[in-house]
Amino acid sequence: MNFNIITINPNFFKSPFKNGLIYKAIKKKIINIKLINLKKFLNKNDSYEDKIYGGGAGLLFKPEPLYLSINSIKKCNFNSLVVYLSPQGNIVNDNIIKKMLNYDSLIFICGRYNGIDQRIIDNYIDIELSIGDYIISCGEISTLVIIDMLVRKIPGVLNNIKSCKFDSFYYLNKLLGFP
């Protein structure tokens, strides 16, 4: 499975991808992670951020660099799901994670500020997800959470795939694990 992450801060992922189950999956070549720096899709003196045209305080990501970065990935990954992590998205759950595992490639857009241009959401995003009803500083954090949720369900990552069938929230629809 290929994970493509569009971000303005690729360095955020250096430590998390060198530890734990994600590192194990990378090392076993079960997953491939590509970090795409959104800044590389800008003209020399251009910026990736813009004001909110609908009003309000804050900034958002411009559509042009996002469009270019998404299309550059889709050229090589035809069966891709484009995922945008935002507070407005559907709250992720186990059923959504299982559906995401049906794709060969996932493209994650890590937003910041007040998000991304609505035209990108309307025309290029396949699924908009949230990790909960709260605000965090960047989409990189929520992307990492989603990738961790996915990786542990991929056969060959855990020593025994049956282990995740007894996880909290999964086994017999109970909310907590065994005592």
N, C-alpha and C. Protein backbone atom coordinates (compact mmCIF):
# COMPACT_ATOMS: atom_id res chain seq x y z
N MET A 1 0.84 -1.17 0.00
CA MET A 1 0.00 0.00 0.00
C MET A 1 0.88 1.23 0.00
N ASN A 2 0.49 2.22 -0.78
CA ASN A 2 1.23 3.48 -0.87
C ASN A 2 0.50 4.59 -0.12
N PHE A 3 1.26 5.27 0.73
CA PHE A 3 0.75 6.44 1.44
C PHE A 3 1.49 7.65 0.89
N ASN A 4 0.76 8.59 0.31
CA ASN A 4 1.32 9.83 -0.22
C ASN A 4 0.81 10.97 0.65
N ILE A 5 1.72 11.73 1.21
CA ILE A 5 1.34 12.76 2.17
C ILE A 5 1.76 14.12 1.64
N ILE A 6 0.78 14.97 1.36
CA ILE A 6 1.04 16.33 0.91
C ILE A 6 1.08 17.22 2.14
N THR A 7 2.22 17.87 2.35
CA THR A 7 2.44 18.62 3.58
C THR A 7 3.36 19.81 3.32
N ILE A 8 3.28 20.82 4.18
CA ILE A 8 4.26 21.91 4.12
C ILE A 8 5.39 21.64 5.11
N ASN A 9 5.27 20.56 5.88
CA ASN A 9 6.28 20.24 6.89
C ASN A 9 6.64 18.75 6.86
N PRO A 10 7.37 18.29 5.84
CA PRO A 10 7.74 16.88 5.76
C PRO A 10 8.57 16.41 6.96
N ASN A 11 9.33 17.30 7.57
CA ASN A 11 10.17 16.92 8.71
C ASN A 11 9.35 16.45 9.91
N PHE A 12 8.09 16.82 9.97
CA PHE A 12 7.21 16.39 11.06
C PHE A 12 7.21 14.86 11.19
N PHE A 13 7.30 14.17 10.06
CA PHE A 13 7.13 12.72 10.03
C PHE A 13 8.42 11.93 10.25
N LYS A 14 9.55 12.59 10.34
CA LYS A 14 10.82 11.86 10.45
C LYS A 14 10.85 10.89 11.63
N SER A 15 10.56 11.35 12.81
CA SER A 15 10.62 10.48 13.98
C SER A 15 9.51 9.44 14.02
N PRO A 16 8.24 9.81 13.80
CA PRO A 16 7.18 8.79 13.86
C PRO A 16 7.35 7.65 12.87
N PHE A 17 7.93 7.93 11.71
CA PHE A 17 8.09 6.88 10.70
C PHE A 17 9.35 6.04 10.92
N LYS A 18 10.08 6.34 11.97
CA LYS A 18 11.26 5.54 12.31
C LYS A 18 11.04 4.74 13.59
N ASN A 19 9.77 4.58 13.99
CA ASN A 19 9.44 3.88 15.22
C ASN A 19 8.14 3.09 15.06
N GLY A 20 7.99 2.09 15.89
CA GLY A 20 6.72 1.38 16.03
C GLY A 20 6.29 0.58 14.81
N LEU A 21 4.99 0.36 14.73
CA LEU A 21 4.42 -0.46 13.67
C LEU A 21 4.61 0.14 12.28
N ILE A 22 4.55 1.45 12.18
CA ILE A 22 4.74 2.08 10.87
C ILE A 22 6.14 1.78 10.36
N TYR A 23 7.14 1.92 11.21
CA TYR A 23 8.52 1.62 10.82
C TYR A 23 8.65 0.14 10.42
N LYS A 24 8.03 -0.73 11.20
CA LYS A 24 8.07 -2.17 10.92
C LYS A 24 7.48 -2.45 9.53
N ALA A 25 6.37 -1.82 9.20
CA ALA A 25 5.72 -2.02 7.90
C ALA A 25 6.57 -1.47 6.76
N ILE A 26 7.23 -0.36 6.99
CA ILE A 26 8.13 0.21 5.97
C ILE A 26 9.32 -0.73 5.75
N LYS A 27 9.90 -1.17 6.83
CA LYS A 27 11.08 -2.03 6.77
C LYS A 27 10.76 -3.35 6.05
N LYS A 28 9.57 -3.89 6.29
CA LYS A 28 9.14 -5.14 5.63
C LYS A 28 8.65 -4.91 4.21
N LYS A 29 8.64 -3.64 3.78
CA LYS A 29 8.16 -3.25 2.44
C LYS A 29 6.68 -3.60 2.22
N ILE A 30 5.92 -3.56 3.31
CA ILE A 30 4.48 -3.77 3.23
C ILE A 30 3.79 -2.48 2.82
N ILE A 31 4.37 -1.36 3.27
CA ILE A 31 3.86 -0.05 2.89
C ILE A 31 5.00 0.79 2.34
N ASN A 32 4.63 1.78 1.57
CA ASN A 32 5.57 2.76 1.06
C ASN A 32 5.00 4.13 1.40
N ILE A 33 5.84 4.98 1.95
CA ILE A 33 5.39 6.33 2.31
C ILE A 33 6.19 7.34 1.52
N LYS A 34 5.48 8.22 0.84
CA LYS A 34 6.12 9.30 0.09
C LYS A 34 5.63 10.63 0.65
N LEU A 35 6.57 11.47 1.04
CA LEU A 35 6.25 12.80 1.54
C LEU A 35 6.39 13.79 0.39
N ILE A 36 5.32 14.54 0.14
CA ILE A 36 5.30 15.51 -0.95
C ILE A 36 5.25 16.90 -0.34
N ASN A 37 6.29 17.66 -0.56
CA ASN A 37 6.38 19.02 -0.03
C ASN A 37 5.57 19.96 -0.92
N LEU A 38 4.48 20.48 -0.39
CA LEU A 38 3.60 21.37 -1.15
C LEU A 38 4.36 22.58 -1.70
N LYS A 39 5.39 23.00 -0.99
CA LYS A 39 6.15 24.18 -1.41
C LYS A 39 6.86 23.97 -2.75
N LYS A 40 7.09 22.72 -3.14
CA LYS A 40 7.76 22.44 -4.42
C LYS A 40 6.86 22.69 -5.61
N PHE A 41 5.59 22.95 -5.38
CA PHE A 41 4.64 23.20 -6.46
C PHE A 41 4.30 24.68 -6.59
N LEU A 42 5.19 25.51 -6.10
CA LEU A 42 5.00 26.96 -6.15
C LEU A 42 5.96 27.58 -7.15
N ASN A 43 5.56 28.69 -7.73
CA ASN A 43 6.50 29.51 -8.49
C ASN A 43 7.48 30.14 -7.51
N LYS A 44 8.58 30.62 -8.01
CA LYS A 44 9.69 31.08 -7.17
C LYS A 44 9.27 32.01 -6.03
N ASN A 45 8.52 33.04 -6.30
CA ASN A 45 8.16 34.01 -5.26
C ASN A 45 6.71 33.90 -4.80
N ASP A 46 6.09 32.77 -5.07
CA ASP A 46 4.68 32.58 -4.73
C ASP A 46 4.55 32.00 -3.32
N SER A 47 3.35 32.04 -2.79
CA SER A 47 3.06 31.50 -1.47
C SER A 47 1.97 30.45 -1.59
N TYR A 48 1.96 29.51 -0.68
CA TYR A 48 0.92 28.47 -0.67
C TYR A 48 -0.31 28.91 0.12
N GLU A 49 -0.24 30.04 0.77
CA GLU A 49 -1.35 30.49 1.60
C GLU A 49 -2.06 31.69 0.99
N ASP A 50 -3.32 31.84 1.36
CA ASP A 50 -4.14 32.92 0.84
C ASP A 50 -5.17 33.31 1.89
N LYS A 51 -5.78 34.47 1.69
CA LYS A 51 -6.82 34.92 2.61
C LYS A 51 -8.12 34.15 2.34
N ILE A 52 -9.01 34.21 3.30
CA ILE A 52 -10.32 33.56 3.17
C ILE A 52 -11.26 34.53 2.47
N TYR A 53 -11.70 34.18 1.28
CA TYR A 53 -12.52 35.09 0.49
C TYR A 53 -13.94 35.20 1.03
N GLY A 54 -14.40 34.20 1.75
CA GLY A 54 -15.75 34.24 2.31
C GLY A 54 -15.84 35.06 3.57
N GLY A 55 -14.71 35.60 4.02
CA GLY A 55 -14.70 36.39 5.24
C GLY A 55 -14.13 35.61 6.40
N GLY A 56 -13.82 36.30 7.46
CA GLY A 56 -13.27 35.67 8.65
C GLY A 56 -11.77 35.84 8.73
N ALA A 57 -11.27 35.55 9.92
CA ALA A 57 -9.84 35.69 10.16
C ALA A 57 -9.11 34.44 9.72
N GLY A 58 -7.83 34.58 9.47
CA GLY A 58 -7.00 33.44 9.17
C GLY A 58 -6.66 33.28 7.71
N LEU A 59 -5.95 32.19 7.43
CA LEU A 59 -5.47 31.89 6.08
C LEU A 59 -5.91 30.49 5.69
N LEU A 60 -5.77 30.18 4.40
CA LEU A 60 -6.01 28.83 3.91
C LEU A 60 -5.01 28.52 2.81
N PHE A 61 -4.94 27.26 2.41
CA PHE A 61 -4.05 26.86 1.32
C PHE A 61 -4.67 27.22 -0.02
N LYS A 62 -3.87 27.78 -0.91
CA LYS A 62 -4.32 28.10 -2.27
C LYS A 62 -4.63 26.82 -3.04
N PRO A 63 -5.50 26.91 -4.05
CA PRO A 63 -5.85 25.70 -4.81
C PRO A 63 -4.76 25.23 -5.78
N GLU A 64 -4.02 26.14 -6.40
CA GLU A 64 -3.09 25.77 -7.47
C GLU A 64 -2.04 24.76 -7.03
N PRO A 65 -1.28 25.01 -5.94
CA PRO A 65 -0.27 24.01 -5.57
C PRO A 65 -0.88 22.68 -5.13
N LEU A 66 -2.05 22.72 -4.51
CA LEU A 66 -2.71 21.47 -4.13
C LEU A 66 -3.13 20.68 -5.36
N TYR A 67 -3.71 21.37 -6.33
CA TYR A 67 -4.12 20.73 -7.59
C TYR A 67 -2.92 20.06 -8.26
N LEU A 68 -1.81 20.78 -8.37
CA LEU A 68 -0.61 20.26 -9.03
C LEU A 68 -0.04 19.06 -8.26
N SER A 69 -0.01 19.14 -6.95
CA SER A 69 0.55 18.04 -6.16
C SER A 69 -0.33 16.79 -6.24
N ILE A 70 -1.64 16.95 -6.16
CA ILE A 70 -2.56 15.81 -6.27
C ILE A 70 -2.40 15.13 -7.63
N ASN A 71 -2.38 15.91 -8.69
CA ASN A 71 -2.25 15.35 -10.03
C ASN A 71 -0.91 14.67 -10.27
N SER A 72 0.15 15.18 -9.66
CA SER A 72 1.46 14.55 -9.83
C SER A 72 1.47 13.15 -9.21
N ILE A 73 0.74 12.96 -8.14
CA ILE A 73 0.65 11.65 -7.49
C ILE A 73 -0.26 10.72 -8.28
N LYS A 74 -1.39 11.24 -8.74
CA LYS A 74 -2.37 10.41 -9.45
C LYS A 74 -1.83 9.87 -10.77
N LYS A 75 -0.84 10.53 -11.35
CA LYS A 75 -0.22 10.03 -12.59
C LYS A 75 0.36 8.63 -12.39
N CYS A 76 0.88 8.38 -11.20
CA CYS A 76 1.55 7.11 -10.90
C CYS A 76 0.68 6.15 -10.09
N ASN A 77 -0.37 6.64 -9.50
CA ASN A 77 -1.23 5.84 -8.61
C ASN A 77 -2.68 6.00 -9.04
N PHE A 78 -3.14 5.11 -9.90
CA PHE A 78 -4.47 5.26 -10.48
C PHE A 78 -5.59 4.93 -9.50
N ASN A 79 -5.41 3.92 -8.68
CA ASN A 79 -6.44 3.52 -7.72
C ASN A 79 -6.17 4.25 -6.40
N SER A 80 -6.30 5.57 -6.42
CA SER A 80 -5.99 6.39 -5.25
C SER A 80 -7.25 6.98 -4.64
N LEU A 81 -7.22 7.10 -3.33
CA LEU A 81 -8.27 7.79 -2.59
C LEU A 81 -7.65 9.05 -2.02
N VAL A 82 -8.25 10.21 -2.32
CA VAL A 82 -7.72 11.49 -1.82
C VAL A 82 -8.45 11.83 -0.52
N VAL A 83 -7.67 11.95 0.55
CA VAL A 83 -8.20 12.13 1.90
C VAL A 83 -7.76 13.50 2.42
N TYR A 84 -8.74 14.26 2.90
CA TYR A 84 -8.43 15.54 3.53
C TYR A 84 -8.87 15.47 4.97
N LEU A 85 -7.95 15.75 5.89
CA LEU A 85 -8.24 15.73 7.31
C LEU A 85 -8.63 17.13 7.76
N SER A 86 -9.86 17.24 8.31
CA SER A 86 -10.34 18.54 8.74
C SER A 86 -11.36 18.37 9.85
N PRO A 87 -11.60 19.41 10.64
CA PRO A 87 -12.62 19.33 11.68
C PRO A 87 -14.03 19.10 11.13
N GLN A 88 -14.27 19.49 9.88
CA GLN A 88 -15.60 19.36 9.27
C GLN A 88 -15.87 17.95 8.73
N GLY A 89 -14.85 17.09 8.67
CA GLY A 89 -15.00 15.77 8.08
C GLY A 89 -15.79 14.81 8.95
N ASN A 90 -16.14 13.67 8.35
CA ASN A 90 -16.77 12.60 9.11
C ASN A 90 -15.78 12.06 10.12
N ILE A 91 -16.25 11.78 11.31
CA ILE A 91 -15.35 11.24 12.33
C ILE A 91 -14.98 9.82 11.94
N VAL A 92 -13.69 9.57 11.88
CA VAL A 92 -13.18 8.28 11.43
C VAL A 92 -13.59 7.17 12.40
N ASN A 93 -13.88 6.00 11.83
CA ASN A 93 -14.20 4.83 12.64
C ASN A 93 -13.65 3.60 11.94
N ASP A 94 -13.84 2.45 12.55
CA ASP A 94 -13.27 1.22 12.03
C ASP A 94 -13.82 0.86 10.65
N ASN A 95 -15.09 1.15 10.39
CA ASN A 95 -15.67 0.84 9.07
C ASN A 95 -15.02 1.68 7.97
N ILE A 96 -14.76 2.94 8.25
CA ILE A 96 -14.10 3.80 7.27
C ILE A 96 -12.69 3.29 7.00
N ILE A 97 -11.98 2.91 8.05
CA ILE A 97 -10.61 2.40 7.90
C ILE A 97 -10.61 1.15 7.03
N LYS A 98 -11.54 0.24 7.25
CA LYS A 98 -11.63 -0.98 6.45
C LYS A 98 -11.85 -0.66 4.98
N LYS A 99 -12.70 0.32 4.67
CA LYS A 99 -12.94 0.72 3.27
C LYS A 99 -11.70 1.33 2.64
N MET A 100 -10.94 2.10 3.43
CA MET A 100 -9.73 2.73 2.91
C MET A 100 -8.68 1.68 2.52
N LEU A 101 -8.70 0.54 3.18
CA LEU A 101 -7.74 -0.52 2.90
C LEU A 101 -7.96 -1.16 1.53
N ASN A 102 -9.07 -0.86 0.87
CA ASN A 102 -9.35 -1.41 -0.45
C ASN A 102 -8.61 -0.67 -1.57
N TYR A 103 -7.94 0.40 -1.24
CA TYR A 103 -7.23 1.20 -2.25
C TYR A 103 -5.75 0.83 -2.25
N ASP A 104 -5.14 0.93 -3.42
CA ASP A 104 -3.70 0.69 -3.56
C ASP A 104 -2.90 1.87 -3.03
N SER A 105 -3.51 3.04 -3.11
CA SER A 105 -2.80 4.27 -2.79
C SER A 105 -3.75 5.25 -2.09
N LEU A 106 -3.23 5.88 -1.06
CA LEU A 106 -3.96 6.93 -0.36
C LEU A 106 -3.16 8.21 -0.47
N ILE A 107 -3.87 9.30 -0.75
CA ILE A 107 -3.25 10.62 -0.83
C ILE A 107 -3.84 11.45 0.32
N PHE A 108 -3.00 11.81 1.26
CA PHE A 108 -3.43 12.61 2.40
C PHE A 108 -3.03 14.06 2.19
N ILE A 109 -3.97 14.96 2.43
CA ILE A 109 -3.66 16.40 2.39
C ILE A 109 -3.68 16.90 3.83
N CYS A 110 -2.52 17.37 4.27
CA CYS A 110 -2.37 17.89 5.63
C CYS A 110 -2.60 19.39 5.61
N GLY A 111 -3.77 19.81 6.00
CA GLY A 111 -4.09 21.23 6.03
C GLY A 111 -3.53 21.92 7.26
N ARG A 112 -3.61 23.22 7.24
CA ARG A 112 -3.21 24.07 8.37
C ARG A 112 -4.11 25.30 8.36
N TYR A 113 -3.90 26.15 9.31
CA TYR A 113 -4.64 27.41 9.39
C TYR A 113 -6.14 27.12 9.42
N ASN A 114 -6.87 27.73 8.48
CA ASN A 114 -8.32 27.50 8.40
C ASN A 114 -8.67 26.52 7.30
N GLY A 115 -7.70 25.73 6.84
CA GLY A 115 -7.99 24.68 5.88
C GLY A 115 -7.46 24.94 4.49
N ILE A 116 -8.21 24.41 3.51
CA ILE A 116 -7.81 24.51 2.12
C ILE A 116 -8.96 25.14 1.32
N ASP A 117 -8.64 25.61 0.14
CA ASP A 117 -9.63 26.23 -0.73
C ASP A 117 -10.77 25.25 -1.02
N GLN A 118 -11.99 25.72 -0.89
CA GLN A 118 -13.18 24.89 -1.06
C GLN A 118 -13.25 24.24 -2.45
N ARG A 119 -12.69 24.87 -3.45
CA ARG A 119 -12.72 24.30 -4.81
C ARG A 119 -11.96 22.98 -4.87
N ILE A 120 -10.91 22.85 -4.10
CA ILE A 120 -10.18 21.58 -4.04
C ILE A 120 -11.05 20.52 -3.36
N ILE A 121 -11.69 20.89 -2.27
CA ILE A 121 -12.58 19.94 -1.57
C ILE A 121 -13.68 19.47 -2.50
N ASP A 122 -14.32 20.40 -3.19
CA ASP A 122 -15.45 20.07 -4.07
C ASP A 122 -15.06 19.21 -5.27
N ASN A 123 -13.86 19.40 -5.80
CA ASN A 123 -13.48 18.76 -7.06
C ASN A 123 -12.46 17.63 -6.96
N TYR A 124 -11.70 17.55 -5.86
CA TYR A 124 -10.61 16.58 -5.83
C TYR A 124 -10.58 15.68 -4.59
N ILE A 125 -11.32 16.03 -3.57
CA ILE A 125 -11.29 15.25 -2.33
C ILE A 125 -12.34 14.14 -2.42
N ASP A 126 -11.91 12.90 -2.16
CA ASP A 126 -12.83 11.77 -2.17
C ASP A 126 -13.50 11.57 -0.81
N ILE A 127 -12.75 11.85 0.25
CA ILE A 127 -13.30 11.69 1.59
C ILE A 127 -12.66 12.71 2.52
N GLU A 128 -13.49 13.36 3.32
CA GLU A 128 -13.03 14.34 4.30
C GLU A 128 -13.25 13.73 5.67
N LEU A 129 -12.18 13.60 6.45
CA LEU A 129 -12.24 12.92 7.73
C LEU A 129 -11.77 13.81 8.87
N SER A 130 -12.29 13.51 10.05
CA SER A 130 -11.88 14.17 11.29
C SER A 130 -11.52 13.08 12.29
N ILE A 131 -10.56 13.36 13.17
CA ILE A 131 -10.24 12.39 14.22
C ILE A 131 -10.98 12.72 15.52
N GLY A 132 -11.83 13.73 15.51
CA GLY A 132 -12.62 14.05 16.69
C GLY A 132 -13.10 15.48 16.68
N ASP A 133 -13.98 15.77 17.60
CA ASP A 133 -14.57 17.10 17.69
C ASP A 133 -13.70 18.02 18.54
N TYR A 134 -12.56 18.35 18.01
CA TYR A 134 -11.64 19.28 18.64
C TYR A 134 -10.69 19.80 17.56
N ILE A 135 -9.96 20.85 17.87
CA ILE A 135 -9.06 21.46 16.91
C ILE A 135 -7.62 21.17 17.34
N ILE A 136 -6.80 20.77 16.37
CA ILE A 136 -5.37 20.60 16.60
C ILE A 136 -4.62 21.53 15.66
N SER A 137 -3.33 21.64 15.84
CA SER A 137 -2.58 22.67 15.13
C SER A 137 -2.31 22.37 13.66
N CYS A 138 -2.39 21.10 13.25
CA CYS A 138 -2.05 20.80 11.87
C CYS A 138 -2.61 19.45 11.43
N GLY A 139 -2.76 19.29 10.13
CA GLY A 139 -3.26 18.05 9.56
C GLY A 139 -2.26 16.91 9.64
N GLU A 140 -0.99 17.20 9.87
CA GLU A 140 0.01 16.16 9.98
C GLU A 140 -0.30 15.23 11.16
N ILE A 141 -0.76 15.81 12.25
CA ILE A 141 -1.07 14.99 13.44
C ILE A 141 -2.20 14.01 13.14
N SER A 142 -3.28 14.49 12.55
CA SER A 142 -4.40 13.60 12.25
C SER A 142 -4.05 12.60 11.16
N THR A 143 -3.22 12.98 10.20
CA THR A 143 -2.77 12.04 9.17
C THR A 143 -2.00 10.89 9.80
N LEU A 144 -1.14 11.21 10.74
CA LEU A 144 -0.37 10.19 11.43
C LEU A 144 -1.29 9.22 12.18
N VAL A 145 -2.32 9.74 12.81
CA VAL A 145 -3.29 8.89 13.53
C VAL A 145 -3.97 7.93 12.55
N ILE A 146 -4.43 8.44 11.42
CA ILE A 146 -5.12 7.61 10.43
C ILE A 146 -4.18 6.55 9.86
N ILE A 147 -2.96 6.93 9.54
CA ILE A 147 -2.01 5.95 9.00
C ILE A 147 -1.75 4.85 10.02
N ASP A 148 -1.60 5.20 11.28
CA ASP A 148 -1.40 4.19 12.32
C ASP A 148 -2.60 3.24 12.39
N MET A 149 -3.80 3.79 12.29
CA MET A 149 -5.01 2.96 12.32
C MET A 149 -5.03 1.99 11.14
N LEU A 150 -4.60 2.45 9.98
CA LEU A 150 -4.59 1.61 8.78
C LEU A 150 -3.51 0.53 8.85
N VAL A 151 -2.30 0.93 9.20
CA VAL A 151 -1.16 0.03 9.16
C VAL A 151 -1.38 -1.20 10.03
N ARG A 152 -1.95 -1.03 11.19
CA ARG A 152 -2.12 -2.18 12.09
C ARG A 152 -3.12 -3.19 11.58
N LYS A 153 -3.91 -2.82 10.57
CA LYS A 153 -4.88 -3.76 10.00
C LYS A 153 -4.38 -4.43 8.72
N ILE A 154 -3.19 -4.08 8.27
CA ILE A 154 -2.63 -4.68 7.07
C ILE A 154 -1.95 -6.00 7.45
N PRO A 155 -2.34 -7.09 6.80
CA PRO A 155 -1.71 -8.39 7.11
C PRO A 155 -0.19 -8.33 6.96
N GLY A 156 0.50 -8.92 7.94
CA GLY A 156 1.95 -8.97 7.93
C GLY A 156 2.61 -7.93 8.81
N VAL A 157 1.84 -6.94 9.26
CA VAL A 157 2.42 -5.90 10.10
C VAL A 157 2.45 -6.38 11.56
N LEU A 158 1.31 -6.75 12.10
CA LEU A 158 1.26 -7.32 13.45
C LEU A 158 1.79 -8.75 13.39
N ASN A 159 2.36 -9.22 14.47
CA ASN A 159 2.83 -10.61 14.50
C ASN A 159 1.68 -11.59 14.28
N ASN A 160 0.50 -11.23 14.74
CA ASN A 160 -0.68 -12.06 14.56
C ASN A 160 -1.84 -11.14 14.22
N ILE A 161 -2.36 -11.23 13.00
CA ILE A 161 -3.45 -10.34 12.55
C ILE A 161 -4.69 -10.49 13.42
N LYS A 162 -4.84 -11.64 14.08
CA LYS A 162 -6.00 -11.84 14.96
C LYS A 162 -5.96 -10.88 16.15
N SER A 163 -4.77 -10.37 16.46
CA SER A 163 -4.64 -9.44 17.60
C SER A 163 -5.55 -8.23 17.45
N CYS A 164 -5.65 -7.68 16.23
CA CYS A 164 -6.47 -6.48 16.06
C CYS A 164 -7.96 -6.80 16.11
N LYS A 165 -8.33 -8.06 15.98
CA LYS A 165 -9.75 -8.43 16.08
C LYS A 165 -10.23 -8.40 17.52
N PHE A 166 -9.32 -8.32 18.47
CA PHE A 166 -9.69 -8.25 19.87
C PHE A 166 -9.38 -6.88 20.46
N ASP A 167 -9.15 -5.91 19.60
CA ASP A 167 -8.92 -4.53 20.05
C ASP A 167 -10.18 -3.94 20.67
N SER A 168 -9.96 -2.92 21.51
CA SER A 168 -11.10 -2.14 22.00
C SER A 168 -11.88 -1.61 20.81
N PHE A 169 -13.17 -1.44 20.96
CA PHE A 169 -14.07 -0.92 19.93
C PHE A 169 -14.33 -1.92 18.81
N TYR A 170 -13.67 -3.06 18.82
CA TYR A 170 -13.83 -4.01 17.73
C TYR A 170 -14.50 -5.29 18.22
N TYR A 171 -13.95 -5.89 19.26
CA TYR A 171 -14.41 -7.19 19.73
C TYR A 171 -15.80 -7.08 20.36
N LEU A 172 -16.77 -7.72 19.72
CA LEU A 172 -18.16 -7.75 20.20
C LEU A 172 -18.73 -6.38 20.46
N ASN A 173 -18.24 -5.36 19.75
CA ASN A 173 -18.71 -3.98 19.88
C ASN A 173 -18.59 -3.43 21.29
N LYS A 174 -17.66 -3.91 22.05
CA LYS A 174 -17.42 -3.39 23.40
C LYS A 174 -16.53 -2.17 23.30
N LEU A 175 -16.67 -1.27 24.24
CA LEU A 175 -15.87 -0.05 24.19
C LEU A 175 -14.49 -0.22 24.84
N LEU A 176 -14.36 -1.18 25.74
CA LEU A 176 -13.08 -1.35 26.43
C LEU A 176 -12.58 -2.77 26.23
N GLY A 177 -11.28 -2.93 26.37
CA GLY A 177 -10.67 -4.24 26.23
C GLY A 177 -10.89 -5.08 27.49
N PHE A 178 -10.24 -6.22 27.48
CA PHE A 178 -10.34 -7.13 28.63
C PHE A 178 -9.65 -6.53 29.84
N PRO A 179 -10.07 -6.94 31.07
CA PRO A 179 -9.39 -6.46 32.27
C PRO A 179 -7.94 -6.94 32.32
